[in-house]
Amino acid sequence: MKVRLTGEAFSIQALNEEAQVIPAHGYTEWAWDVVPVQSGTRTLHLHVTVRIRLPHGEERKDHPVVDRIIQVDVDSIYSIKKWIADHWQWLLGTLVIPLIAWIWAKLQS
């Protein structure tokens, strides 16, 4: 069996192989590390493909995709930290350096 998890508004990393054997006893587990990258109502899609061994080879059957609606709320502090991390050059060039120059000029006069 092969199982994939997808979603446009998520960063998804599989923690194990997509294709795995289903044993006669016990269970098989698929796991993912899922991080939302956009807020709002978003959808995760679970794709399942079954592989069936036949005398003349192998057949594959895709099952209907399972969709789950996920409400993602943004943590404001996280968003601010991420924005600063992504735009530190702009922040340094437009705010910090001119502020330092202004303070230096005031101290010199």
PDB file of N, CA and C in Angstrom:
ATOM      1  N   MET A   1       0.848  -1.170   0.000  1.00  0.00           N
ATOM      2  CA  MET A   1       0.000   0.000   0.000  1.00  0.00           C
ATOM      3  C   MET A   1       0.893   1.233   0.000  1.00  0.00           C
ATOM      4  N   LYS A   2       0.409   2.277  -0.647  1.00  0.00           N
ATOM      5  CA  LYS A   2       1.141   3.536  -0.710  1.00  0.00           C
ATOM      6  C   LYS A   2       0.213   4.632  -0.209  1.00  0.00           C
ATOM      7  N   VAL A   3       0.703   5.472   0.706  1.00  0.00           N
ATOM      8  CA  VAL A   3      -0.108   6.543   1.282  1.00  0.00           C
ATOM      9  C   VAL A   3       0.700   7.842   1.235  1.00  0.00           C
ATOM     10  N   ARG A   4       0.060   8.913   0.721  1.00  0.00           N
ATOM     11  CA  ARG A   4       0.690  10.234   0.659  1.00  0.00           C
ATOM     12  C   ARG A   4      -0.235  11.251   1.298  1.00  0.00           C
ATOM     13  N   LEU A   5       0.348  12.266   1.914  1.00  0.00           N
ATOM     14  CA  LEU A   5      -0.404  13.379   2.482  1.00  0.00           C
ATOM     15  C   LEU A   5       0.056  14.644   1.776  1.00  0.00           C
ATOM     16  N   THR A   6      -0.908  15.440   1.254  1.00  0.00           N
ATOM     17  CA  THR A   6      -0.571  16.675   0.559  1.00  0.00           C
ATOM     18  C   THR A   6      -1.486  17.801   1.029  1.00  0.00           C
ATOM     19  N   GLY A   7      -1.045  19.010   0.799  1.00  0.00           N
ATOM     20  CA  GLY A   7      -1.836  20.193   1.117  1.00  0.00           C
ATOM     21  C   GLY A   7      -1.039  21.427   0.734  1.00  0.00           C
ATOM     22  N   GLU A   8      -1.644  22.331  -0.041  1.00  0.00           N
ATOM     23  CA  GLU A   8      -0.923  23.503  -0.540  1.00  0.00           C
ATOM     24  C   GLU A   8      -0.479  24.449   0.569  1.00  0.00           C
ATOM     25  N   ALA A   9      -1.222  24.531   1.647  1.00  0.00           N
ATOM     26  CA  ALA A   9      -0.923  25.505   2.699  1.00  0.00           C
ATOM     27  C   ALA A   9      -0.107  24.898   3.839  1.00  0.00           C
ATOM     28  N   PHE A  10       0.542  23.756   3.558  1.00  0.00           N
ATOM     29  CA  PHE A  10       1.286  23.058   4.598  1.00  0.00           C
ATOM     30  C   PHE A  10       2.663  22.651   4.090  1.00  0.00           C
ATOM     31  N   SER A  11       3.635  22.654   4.995  1.00  0.00           N
ATOM     32  CA  SER A  11       4.925  22.042   4.737  1.00  0.00           C
ATOM     33  C   SER A  11       4.827  20.636   5.320  1.00  0.00           C
ATOM     34  N   ILE A  12       4.916  19.617   4.465  1.00  0.00           N
ATOM     35  CA  ILE A  12       4.683  18.241   4.893  1.00  0.00           C
ATOM     36  C   ILE A  12       5.930  17.410   4.621  1.00  0.00           C
ATOM     37  N   GLN A  13       6.429  16.759   5.670  1.00  0.00           N
ATOM     38  CA  GLN A  13       7.586  15.880   5.535  1.00  0.00           C
ATOM     39  C   GLN A  13       7.181  14.494   6.014  1.00  0.00           C
ATOM     40  N   ALA A  14       7.310  13.511   5.131  1.00  0.00           N
ATOM     41  CA  ALA A  14       6.995  12.123   5.504  1.00  0.00           C
ATOM     42  C   ALA A  14       8.051  11.620   6.485  1.00  0.00           C
ATOM     43  N   LEU A  15       7.616  10.943   7.535  1.00  0.00           N
ATOM     44  CA  LEU A  15       8.541  10.404   8.534  1.00  0.00           C
ATOM     45  C   LEU A  15       8.885   8.947   8.260  1.00  0.00           C
ATOM     46  N   ASN A  16       8.242   8.358   7.249  1.00  0.00           N
ATOM     47  CA  ASN A  16       8.572   7.004   6.829  1.00  0.00           C
ATOM     48  C   ASN A  16       8.250   6.878   5.339  1.00  0.00           C
ATOM     49  N   GLU A  17       8.452   5.710   4.782  1.00  0.00           N
ATOM     50  CA  GLU A  17       8.252   5.485   3.348  1.00  0.00           C
ATOM     51  C   GLU A  17       6.772   5.571   2.968  1.00  0.00           C
ATOM     52  N   GLU A  18       6.493   6.095   1.772  1.00  0.00           N
ATOM     53  CA  GLU A  18       5.112   6.141   1.279  1.00  0.00           C
ATOM     54  C   GLU A  18       4.586   4.739   1.021  1.00  0.00           C
ATOM     55  N   ALA A  19       5.395   3.884   0.394  1.00  0.00           N
ATOM     56  CA  ALA A  19       4.981   2.521   0.070  1.00  0.00           C
ATOM     57  C   ALA A  19       5.485   1.565   1.153  1.00  0.00           C
ATOM     58  N   GLN A  20       4.545   0.829   1.755  1.00  0.00           N
ATOM     59  CA  GLN A  20       4.898  -0.108   2.817  1.00  0.00           C
ATOM     60  C   GLN A  20       4.078  -1.396   2.665  1.00  0.00           C
ATOM     61  N   VAL A  21       4.608  -2.463   3.237  1.00  0.00           N
ATOM     62  CA  VAL A  21       3.924  -3.757   3.239  1.00  0.00           C
ATOM     63  C   VAL A  21       2.893  -3.777   4.361  1.00  0.00           C
ATOM     64  N   ILE A  22       1.750  -4.362   4.090  1.00  0.00           N
ATOM     65  CA  ILE A  22       0.714  -4.549   5.119  1.00  0.00           C
ATOM     66  C   ILE A  22       0.828  -5.993   5.606  1.00  0.00           C
ATOM     67  N   PRO A  23       1.250  -6.213   6.863  1.00  0.00           N
ATOM     68  CA  PRO A  23       1.433  -7.584   7.349  1.00  0.00           C
ATOM     69  C   PRO A  23       0.092  -8.265   7.641  1.00  0.00           C
ATOM     70  N   ALA A  24       0.120  -9.592   7.696  1.00  0.00           N
ATOM     71  CA  ALA A  24      -1.091 -10.353   8.016  1.00  0.00           C
ATOM     72  C   ALA A  24      -1.541 -10.080   9.447  1.00  0.00           C
ATOM     73  N   HIS A  25      -0.587  -9.841  10.333  1.00  0.00           N
ATOM     74  CA  HIS A  25      -0.902  -9.541  11.734  1.00  0.00           C
ATOM     75  C   HIS A  25      -0.195  -8.245  12.122  1.00  0.00           C
ATOM     76  N   GLY A  26      -0.788  -7.508  13.016  1.00  0.00           N
ATOM     77  CA  GLY A  26      -0.197  -6.240  13.428  1.00  0.00           C
ATOM     78  C   GLY A  26      -0.740  -5.105  12.579  1.00  0.00           C
ATOM     79  N   TYR A  27       0.048  -4.063  12.454  1.00  0.00           N
ATOM     80  CA  TYR A  27      -0.409  -2.906  11.690  1.00  0.00           C
ATOM     81  C   TYR A  27       0.777  -2.218  11.017  1.00  0.00           C
ATOM     82  N   THR A  28       0.451  -1.354  10.086  1.00  0.00           N
ATOM     83  CA  THR A  28       1.444  -0.523   9.417  1.00  0.00           C
ATOM     84  C   THR A  28       1.067   0.924   9.670  1.00  0.00           C
ATOM     85  N   GLU A  29       2.059   1.749   9.902  1.00  0.00           N
ATOM     86  CA  GLU A  29       1.791   3.138  10.265  1.00  0.00           C
ATOM     87  C   GLU A  29       2.488   4.088   9.299  1.00  0.00           C
ATOM     88  N   TRP A  30       1.779   5.128   8.912  1.00  0.00           N
ATOM     89  CA  TRP A  30       2.353   6.226   8.146  1.00  0.00           C
ATOM     90  C   TRP A  30       2.303   7.453   9.039  1.00  0.00           C
ATOM     91  N   ALA A  31       3.363   8.249   9.015  1.00  0.00           N
ATOM     92  CA  ALA A  31       3.409   9.441   9.866  1.00  0.00           C
ATOM     93  C   ALA A  31       4.044  10.581   9.085  1.00  0.00           C
ATOM     94  N   TRP A  32       3.630  11.804   9.424  1.00  0.00           N
ATOM     95  CA  TRP A  32       4.139  12.992   8.762  1.00  0.00           C
ATOM     96  C   TRP A  32       4.375  14.082   9.790  1.00  0.00           C
ATOM     97  N   ASP A  33       5.314  14.961   9.476  1.00  0.00           N
ATOM     98  CA  ASP A  33       5.514  16.190  10.240  1.00  0.00           C
ATOM     99  C   ASP A  33       4.836  17.282   9.407  1.00  0.00           C
ATOM    100  N   VAL A  34       3.760  17.861   9.934  1.00  0.00           N
ATOM    101  CA  VAL A  34       2.949  18.818   9.185  1.00  0.00           C
ATOM    102  C   VAL A  34       3.018  20.179   9.872  1.00  0.00           C
ATOM    103  N   VAL A  35       3.426  21.209   9.116  1.00  0.00           N
ATOM    104  CA  VAL A  35       3.509  22.572   9.635  1.00  0.00           C
ATOM    105  C   VAL A  35       2.701  23.478   8.706  1.00  0.00           C
ATOM    106  N   PRO A  36       1.713  24.190   9.252  1.00  0.00           N
ATOM    107  CA  PRO A  36       0.967  25.116   8.386  1.00  0.00           C
ATOM    108  C   PRO A  36       1.832  26.301   7.997  1.00  0.00           C
ATOM    109  N   VAL A  37       1.690  26.748   6.741  1.00  0.00           N
ATOM    110  CA  VAL A  37       2.448  27.904   6.275  1.00  0.00           C
ATOM    111  C   VAL A  37       1.533  29.084   5.945  1.00  0.00           C
ATOM    112  N   GLN A  38       0.232  28.879   6.018  1.00  0.00           N
ATOM    113  CA  GLN A  38      -0.748  29.939   5.802  1.00  0.00           C
ATOM    114  C   GLN A  38      -1.883  29.757   6.792  1.00  0.00           C
ATOM    115  N   SER A  39      -2.455  30.872   7.219  1.00  0.00           N
ATOM    116  CA  SER A  39      -3.587  30.786   8.140  1.00  0.00           C
ATOM    117  C   SER A  39      -4.884  30.639   7.358  1.00  0.00           C
ATOM    118  N   GLY A  40      -5.964  30.382   8.077  1.00  0.00           N
ATOM    119  CA  GLY A  40      -7.282  30.276   7.456  1.00  0.00           C
ATOM    120  C   GLY A  40      -7.749  28.844   7.388  1.00  0.00           C
ATOM    121  N   THR A  41      -8.832  28.628   6.662  1.00  0.00           N
ATOM    122  CA  THR A  41      -9.382  27.292   6.491  1.00  0.00           C
ATOM    123  C   THR A  41      -8.651  26.624   5.333  1.00  0.00           C
ATOM    124  N   ARG A  42      -7.928  25.560   5.612  1.00  0.00           N
ATOM    125  CA  ARG A  42      -7.090  24.871   4.627  1.00  0.00           C
ATOM    126  C   ARG A  42      -7.474  23.398   4.564  1.00  0.00           C
ATOM    127  N   THR A  43      -7.029  22.708   3.511  1.00  0.00           N
ATOM    128  CA  THR A  43      -7.397  21.308   3.319  1.00  0.00           C
ATOM    129  C   THR A  43      -6.156  20.436   3.217  1.00  0.00           C
ATOM    130  N   LEU A  44      -6.188  19.320   3.936  1.00  0.00           N
ATOM    131  CA  LEU A  44      -5.183  18.265   3.797  1.00  0.00           C
ATOM    132  C   LEU A  44      -5.801  17.135   2.973  1.00  0.00           C
ATOM    133  N   HIS A  45      -5.014  16.546   2.059  1.00  0.00           N
ATOM    134  CA  HIS A  45      -5.492  15.461   1.208  1.00  0.00           C
ATOM    135  C   HIS A  45      -4.695  14.193   1.521  1.00  0.00           C
ATOM    136  N   LEU A  46      -5.394  13.100   1.786  1.00  0.00           N
ATOM    137  CA  LEU A  46      -4.756  11.805   2.022  1.00  0.00           C
ATOM    138  C   LEU A  46      -5.003  10.930   0.795  1.00  0.00           C
ATOM    139  N   HIS A  47      -3.911  10.522   0.116  1.00  0.00           N
ATOM    140  CA  HIS A  47      -3.993   9.709  -1.100  1.00  0.00           C
ATOM    141  C   HIS A  47      -3.575   8.284  -0.754  1.00  0.00           C
ATOM    142  N   VAL A  48      -4.405   7.286  -1.110  1.00  0.00           N
ATOM    143  CA  VAL A  48      -4.114   5.889  -0.811  1.00  0.00           C
ATOM    144  C   VAL A  48      -4.144   5.080  -2.104  1.00  0.00           C
ATOM    145  N   THR A  49      -3.063   4.319  -2.344  1.00  0.00           N
ATOM    146  CA  THR A  49      -2.989   3.429  -3.498  1.00  0.00           C
ATOM    147  C   THR A  49      -2.729   2.019  -2.989  1.00  0.00           C
ATOM    148  N   VAL A  50      -3.576   1.077  -3.408  1.00  0.00           N
ATOM    149  CA  VAL A  50      -3.419  -0.321  -3.013  1.00  0.00           C
ATOM    150  C   VAL A  50      -2.746  -1.066  -4.154  1.00  0.00           C
ATOM    151  N   ARG A  51      -1.733  -1.844  -3.829  1.00  0.00           N
ATOM    152  CA  ARG A  51      -1.061  -2.694  -4.812  1.00  0.00           C
ATOM    153  C   ARG A  51      -1.507  -4.125  -4.573  1.00  0.00           C
ATOM    154  N   ILE A  52      -2.016  -4.777  -5.616  1.00  0.00           N
ATOM    155  CA  ILE A  52      -2.539  -6.141  -5.502  1.00  0.00           C
ATOM    156  C   ILE A  52      -1.717  -7.053  -6.404  1.00  0.00           C
ATOM    157  N   ARG A  53      -1.166  -8.119  -5.818  1.00  0.00           N
ATOM    158  CA  ARG A  53      -0.395  -9.079  -6.613  1.00  0.00           C
ATOM    159  C   ARG A  53      -1.352 -10.055  -7.289  1.00  0.00           C
ATOM    160  N   LEU A  54      -1.173 -10.214  -8.568  1.00  0.00           N
ATOM    161  CA  LEU A  54      -1.972 -11.136  -9.373  1.00  0.00           C
ATOM    162  C   LEU A  54      -1.030 -12.121 -10.059  1.00  0.00           C
ATOM    163  N   PRO A  55      -1.566 -13.241 -10.559  1.00  0.00           N
ATOM    164  CA  PRO A  55      -0.691 -14.231 -11.211  1.00  0.00           C
ATOM    165  C   PRO A  55       0.126 -13.657 -12.375  1.00  0.00           C
ATOM    166  N   HIS A  56      -0.420 -12.700 -13.089  1.00  0.00           N
ATOM    167  CA  HIS A  56       0.275 -12.144 -14.250  1.00  0.00           C
ATOM    168  C   HIS A  56       1.032 -10.852 -13.925  1.00  0.00           C
ATOM    169  N   GLY A  57       1.096 -10.470 -12.695  1.00  0.00           N
ATOM    170  CA  GLY A  57       1.820  -9.251 -12.338  1.00  0.00           C
ATOM    171  C   GLY A  57       1.196  -8.546 -11.156  1.00  0.00           C
ATOM    172  N   GLU A  58       1.182  -7.242 -11.235  1.00  0.00           N
ATOM    173  CA  GLU A  58       0.695  -6.427 -10.125  1.00  0.00           C
ATOM    174  C   GLU A  58      -0.277  -5.379 -10.658  1.00  0.00           C
ATOM    175  N   GLU A  59      -1.327  -5.151  -9.936  1.00  0.00           N
ATOM    176  CA  GLU A  59      -2.300  -4.106 -10.268  1.00  0.00           C
ATOM    177  C   GLU A  59      -2.266  -3.060  -9.162  1.00  0.00           C
ATOM    178  N   ARG A  60      -2.590  -1.845  -9.541  1.00  0.00           N
ATOM    179  CA  ARG A  60      -2.672  -0.761  -8.565  1.00  0.00           C
ATOM    180  C   ARG A  60      -4.054  -0.150  -8.639  1.00  0.00           C
ATOM    181  N   LYS A  61      -4.602   0.163  -7.488  1.00  0.00           N
ATOM    182  CA  LYS A  61      -5.934   0.768  -7.416  1.00  0.00           C
ATOM    183  C   LYS A  61      -5.852   1.982  -6.501  1.00  0.00           C
ATOM    184  N   ASP A  62      -6.169   3.155  -7.066  1.00  0.00           N
ATOM    185  CA  ASP A  62      -6.227   4.371  -6.257  1.00  0.00           C
ATOM    186  C   ASP A  62      -7.599   4.473  -5.625  1.00  0.00           C
ATOM    187  N   HIS A  63      -7.616   4.692  -4.340  1.00  0.00           N
ATOM    188  CA  HIS A  63      -8.870   4.909  -3.633  1.00  0.00           C
ATOM    189  C   HIS A  63      -9.174   6.400  -3.621  1.00  0.00           C
ATOM    190  N   PRO A  64     -10.428   6.745  -3.466  1.00  0.00           N
ATOM    191  CA  PRO A  64     -10.759   8.174  -3.431  1.00  0.00           C
ATOM    192  C   PRO A  64      -9.952   8.899  -2.355  1.00  0.00           C
ATOM    193  N   VAL A  65      -9.569  10.104  -2.688  1.00  0.00           N
ATOM    194  CA  VAL A  65      -8.782  10.916  -1.767  1.00  0.00           C
ATOM    195  C   VAL A  65      -9.652  11.316  -0.584  1.00  0.00           C
ATOM    196  N   VAL A  66      -9.068  11.234   0.608  1.00  0.00           N
ATOM    197  CA  VAL A  66      -9.756  11.684   1.816  1.00  0.00           C
ATOM    198  C   VAL A  66      -9.292  13.109   2.084  1.00  0.00           C
ATOM    199  N   ASP A  67     -10.234  14.040   2.151  1.00  0.00           N
ATOM    200  CA  ASP A  67      -9.908  15.435   2.437  1.00  0.00           C
ATOM    201  C   ASP A  67     -10.363  15.785   3.847  1.00  0.00           C
ATOM    202  N   ARG A  68      -9.537  16.543   4.540  1.00  0.00           N
ATOM    203  CA  ARG A  68      -9.905  17.033   5.866  1.00  0.00           C
ATOM    204  C   ARG A  68      -9.700  18.526   5.881  1.00  0.00           C
ATOM    205  N   ILE A  69     -10.716  19.248   6.308  1.00  0.00           N
ATOM    206  CA  ILE A  69     -10.635  20.694   6.441  1.00  0.00           C
ATOM    207  C   ILE A  69      -9.971  20.999   7.775  1.00  0.00           C
ATOM    208  N   ILE A  70      -8.943  21.829   7.759  1.00  0.00           N
ATOM    209  CA  ILE A  70      -8.185  22.177   8.953  1.00  0.00           C
ATOM    210  C   ILE A  70      -8.249  23.687   9.129  1.00  0.00           C
ATOM    211  N   GLN A  71      -8.650  24.138  10.306  1.00  0.00           N
ATOM    212  CA  GLN A  71      -8.645  25.568  10.616  1.00  0.00           C
ATOM    213  C   GLN A  71      -7.295  25.907  11.229  1.00  0.00           C
ATOM    214  N   VAL A  72      -6.530  26.765  10.558  1.00  0.00           N
ATOM    215  CA  VAL A  72      -5.196  27.138  11.021  1.00  0.00           C
ATOM    216  C   VAL A  72      -5.253  28.558  11.566  1.00  0.00           C
ATOM    217  N   ASP A  73      -4.933  28.698  12.830  1.00  0.00           N
ATOM    218  CA  ASP A  73      -4.855  30.014  13.462  1.00  0.00           C
ATOM    219  C   ASP A  73      -3.388  30.383  13.631  1.00  0.00           C
ATOM    220  N   VAL A  74      -3.060  31.615  13.295  1.00  0.00           N
ATOM    221  CA  VAL A  74      -1.673  32.056  13.340  1.00  0.00           C
ATOM    222  C   VAL A  74      -1.334  32.602  14.719  1.00  0.00           C
ATOM    223  N   ASP A  75      -0.192  32.187  15.233  1.00  0.00           N
ATOM    224  CA  ASP A  75       0.357  32.734  16.462  1.00  0.00           C
ATOM    225  C   ASP A  75       1.050  34.044  16.096  1.00  0.00           C
ATOM    226  N   SER A  76       0.587  35.153  16.648  1.00  0.00           N
ATOM    227  CA  SER A  76       1.108  36.480  16.273  1.00  0.00           C
ATOM    228  C   SER A  76       2.599  36.615  16.540  1.00  0.00           C
ATOM    229  N   ILE A  77       3.067  36.140  17.677  1.00  0.00           N
ATOM    230  CA  ILE A  77       4.497  36.237  18.007  1.00  0.00           C
ATOM    231  C   ILE A  77       5.324  35.449  16.990  1.00  0.00           C
ATOM    232  N   TYR A  78       4.862  34.249  16.641  1.00  0.00           N
ATOM    233  CA  TYR A  78       5.566  33.439  15.642  1.00  0.00           C
ATOM    234  C   TYR A  78       5.622  34.174  14.310  1.00  0.00           C
ATOM    235  N   SER A  79       4.508  34.782  13.903  1.00  0.00           N
ATOM    236  CA  SER A  79       4.462  35.503  12.627  1.00  0.00           C
ATOM    237  C   SER A  79       5.444  36.671  12.615  1.00  0.00           C
ATOM    238  N   ILE A  80       5.522  37.400  13.712  1.00  0.00           N
ATOM    239  CA  ILE A  80       6.453  38.535  13.795  1.00  0.00           C
ATOM    240  C   ILE A  80       7.899  38.038  13.730  1.00  0.00           C
ATOM    241  N   LYS A  81       8.224  36.985  14.483  1.00  0.00           N
ATOM    242  CA  LYS A  81       9.576  36.433  14.458  1.00  0.00           C
ATOM    243  C   LYS A  81       9.941  35.937  13.059  1.00  0.00           C
ATOM    244  N   LYS A  82       9.010  35.270  12.393  1.00  0.00           N
ATOM    245  CA  LYS A  82       9.260  34.762  11.046  1.00  0.00           C
ATOM    246  C   LYS A  82       9.468  35.913  10.075  1.00  0.00           C
ATOM    247  N   TRP A  83       8.668  36.976  10.195  1.00  0.00           N
ATOM    248  CA  TRP A  83       8.822  38.127   9.308  1.00  0.00           C
ATOM    249  C   TRP A  83      10.191  38.778   9.510  1.00  0.00           C
ATOM    250  N   ILE A  84      10.598  38.944  10.752  1.00  0.00           N
ATOM    251  CA  ILE A  84      11.913  39.539  11.039  1.00  0.00           C
ATOM    252  C   ILE A  84      13.024  38.650  10.484  1.00  0.00           C
ATOM    253  N   ALA A  85      12.904  37.337  10.675  1.00  0.00           N
ATOM    254  CA  ALA A  85      13.919  36.412  10.165  1.00  0.00           C
ATOM    255  C   ALA A  85      13.997  36.456   8.643  1.00  0.00           C
ATOM    256  N   ASP A  86      12.853  36.618   7.973  1.00  0.00           N
ATOM    257  CA  ASP A  86      12.826  36.647   6.511  1.00  0.00           C
ATOM    258  C   ASP A  86      13.248  37.995   5.933  1.00  0.00           C
ATOM    259  N   HIS A  87      13.100  39.077   6.711  1.00  0.00           N
ATOM    260  CA  HIS A  87      13.342  40.417   6.180  1.00  0.00           C
ATOM    261  C   HIS A  87      14.366  41.211   6.992  1.00  0.00           C
ATOM    262  N   TRP A  88      15.299  40.547   7.644  1.00  0.00           N
ATOM    263  CA  TRP A  88      16.229  41.252   8.521  1.00  0.00           C
ATOM    264  C   TRP A  88      17.117  42.231   7.753  1.00  0.00           C
ATOM    265  N   GLN A  89      17.459  41.916   6.495  1.00  0.00           N
ATOM    266  CA  GLN A  89      18.308  42.826   5.729  1.00  0.00           C
ATOM    267  C   GLN A  89      17.575  44.148   5.483  1.00  0.00           C
ATOM    268  N   TRP A  90      16.326  44.066   5.097  1.00  0.00           N
ATOM    269  CA  TRP A  90      15.528  45.272   4.853  1.00  0.00           C
ATOM    270  C   TRP A  90      15.386  46.065   6.143  1.00  0.00           C
ATOM    271  N   LEU A  91      15.085  45.367   7.236  1.00  0.00           N
ATOM    272  CA  LEU A  91      14.908  46.013   8.531  1.00  0.00           C
ATOM    273  C   LEU A  91      16.194  46.724   8.958  1.00  0.00           C
ATOM    274  N   LEU A  92      17.311  46.061   8.796  1.00  0.00           N
ATOM    275  CA  LEU A  92      18.603  46.650   9.165  1.00  0.00           C
ATOM    276  C   LEU A  92      18.903  47.878   8.308  1.00  0.00           C
ATOM    277  N   GLY A  93      18.680  47.768   7.015  1.00  0.00           N
ATOM    278  CA  GLY A  93      19.022  48.855   6.106  1.00  0.00           C
ATOM    279  C   GLY A  93      18.114  50.069   6.211  1.00  0.00           C
ATOM    280  N   THR A  94      16.851  49.885   6.523  1.00  0.00           N
ATOM    281  CA  THR A  94      15.924  51.020   6.524  1.00  0.00           C
ATOM    282  C   THR A  94      15.640  51.594   7.903  1.00  0.00           C
ATOM    283  N   LEU A  95      15.879  50.835   8.953  1.00  0.00           N
ATOM    284  CA  LEU A  95      15.562  51.333  10.293  1.00  0.00           C
ATOM    285  C   LEU A  95      16.778  51.453  11.204  1.00  0.00           C
ATOM    286  N   VAL A  96      17.510  50.386  11.348  1.00  0.00           N
ATOM    287  CA  VAL A  96      18.584  50.343  12.348  1.00  0.00           C
ATOM    288  C   VAL A  96      19.761  51.238  11.952  1.00  0.00           C
ATOM    289  N   ILE A  97      20.265  51.128  10.748  1.00  0.00           N
ATOM    290  CA  ILE A  97      21.428  51.926  10.336  1.00  0.00           C
ATOM    291  C   ILE A  97      21.104  53.426  10.358  1.00  0.00           C
ATOM    292  N   PRO A  98      19.964  53.870   9.780  1.00  0.00           N
ATOM    293  CA  PRO A  98      19.643  55.298   9.894  1.00  0.00           C
ATOM    294  C   PRO A  98      19.477  55.760  11.346  1.00  0.00           C
ATOM    295  N   LEU A  99      18.930  54.917  12.209  1.00  0.00           N
ATOM    296  CA  LEU A  99      18.773  55.275  13.622  1.00  0.00           C
ATOM    297  C   LEU A  99      20.135  55.453  14.281  1.00  0.00           C
ATOM    298  N   ILE A 100      21.056  54.554  14.003  1.00  0.00           N
ATOM    299  CA  ILE A 100      22.405  54.664  14.559  1.00  0.00           C
ATOM    300  C   ILE A 100      23.084  55.937  14.046  1.00  0.00           C
ATOM    301  N   ALA A 101      22.924  56.237  12.751  1.00  0.00           N
ATOM    302  CA  ALA A 101      23.516  57.458  12.182  1.00  0.00           C
ATOM    303  C   ALA A 101      22.920  58.695  12.839  1.00  0.00           C
ATOM    304  N   TRP A 102      21.638  58.708  13.091  1.00  0.00           N
ATOM    305  CA  TRP A 102      20.969  59.848  13.731  1.00  0.00           C
ATOM    306  C   TRP A 102      21.476  60.035  15.161  1.00  0.00           C
ATOM    307  N   ILE A 103      21.573  58.921  15.908  1.00  0.00           N
ATOM    308  CA  ILE A 103      22.080  58.990  17.290  1.00  0.00           C
ATOM    309  C   ILE A 103      23.522  59.481  17.284  1.00  0.00           C
ATOM    310  N   TRP A 104      24.354  59.005  16.364  1.00  0.00           N
ATOM    311  CA  TRP A 104      25.749  59.433  16.266  1.00  0.00           C
ATOM    312  C   TRP A 104      25.841  60.924  15.972  1.00  0.00           C
ATOM    313  N   ALA A 105      24.980  61.393  15.077  1.00  0.00           N
ATOM    314  CA  ALA A 105      24.983  62.813  14.736  1.00  0.00           C
ATOM    315  C   ALA A 105      24.585  63.647  15.940  1.00  0.00           C
ATOM    316  N   LYS A 106      23.611  63.208  16.719  1.00  0.00           N
ATOM    317  CA  LYS A 106      23.169  63.942  17.906  1.00  0.00           C
ATOM    318  C   LYS A 106      24.273  63.974  18.980  1.00  0.00           C
ATOM    319  N   LEU A 107      24.986  62.863  19.125  1.00  0.00           N
ATOM    320  CA  LEU A 107      26.048  62.811  20.114  1.00  0.00           C
ATOM    321  C   LEU A 107      27.235  63.692  19.726  1.00  0.00           C
ATOM    322  N   GLN A 108      27.471  63.876  18.435  1.00  0.00           N
ATOM    323  CA  GLN A 108      28.585  64.696  17.954  1.00  0.00           C
ATOM    324  C   GLN A 108      28.306  66.204  18.087  1.00  0.00           C
ATOM    325  N   SER A 109      27.027  66.573  18.167  1.00  0.00           N
ATOM    326  CA  SER A 109      26.719  68.004  18.231  1.00  0.00           C
ATOM    327  C   SER A 109      26.623  68.527  19.627  1.00  0.00           C
TER     328      SER A 109
END
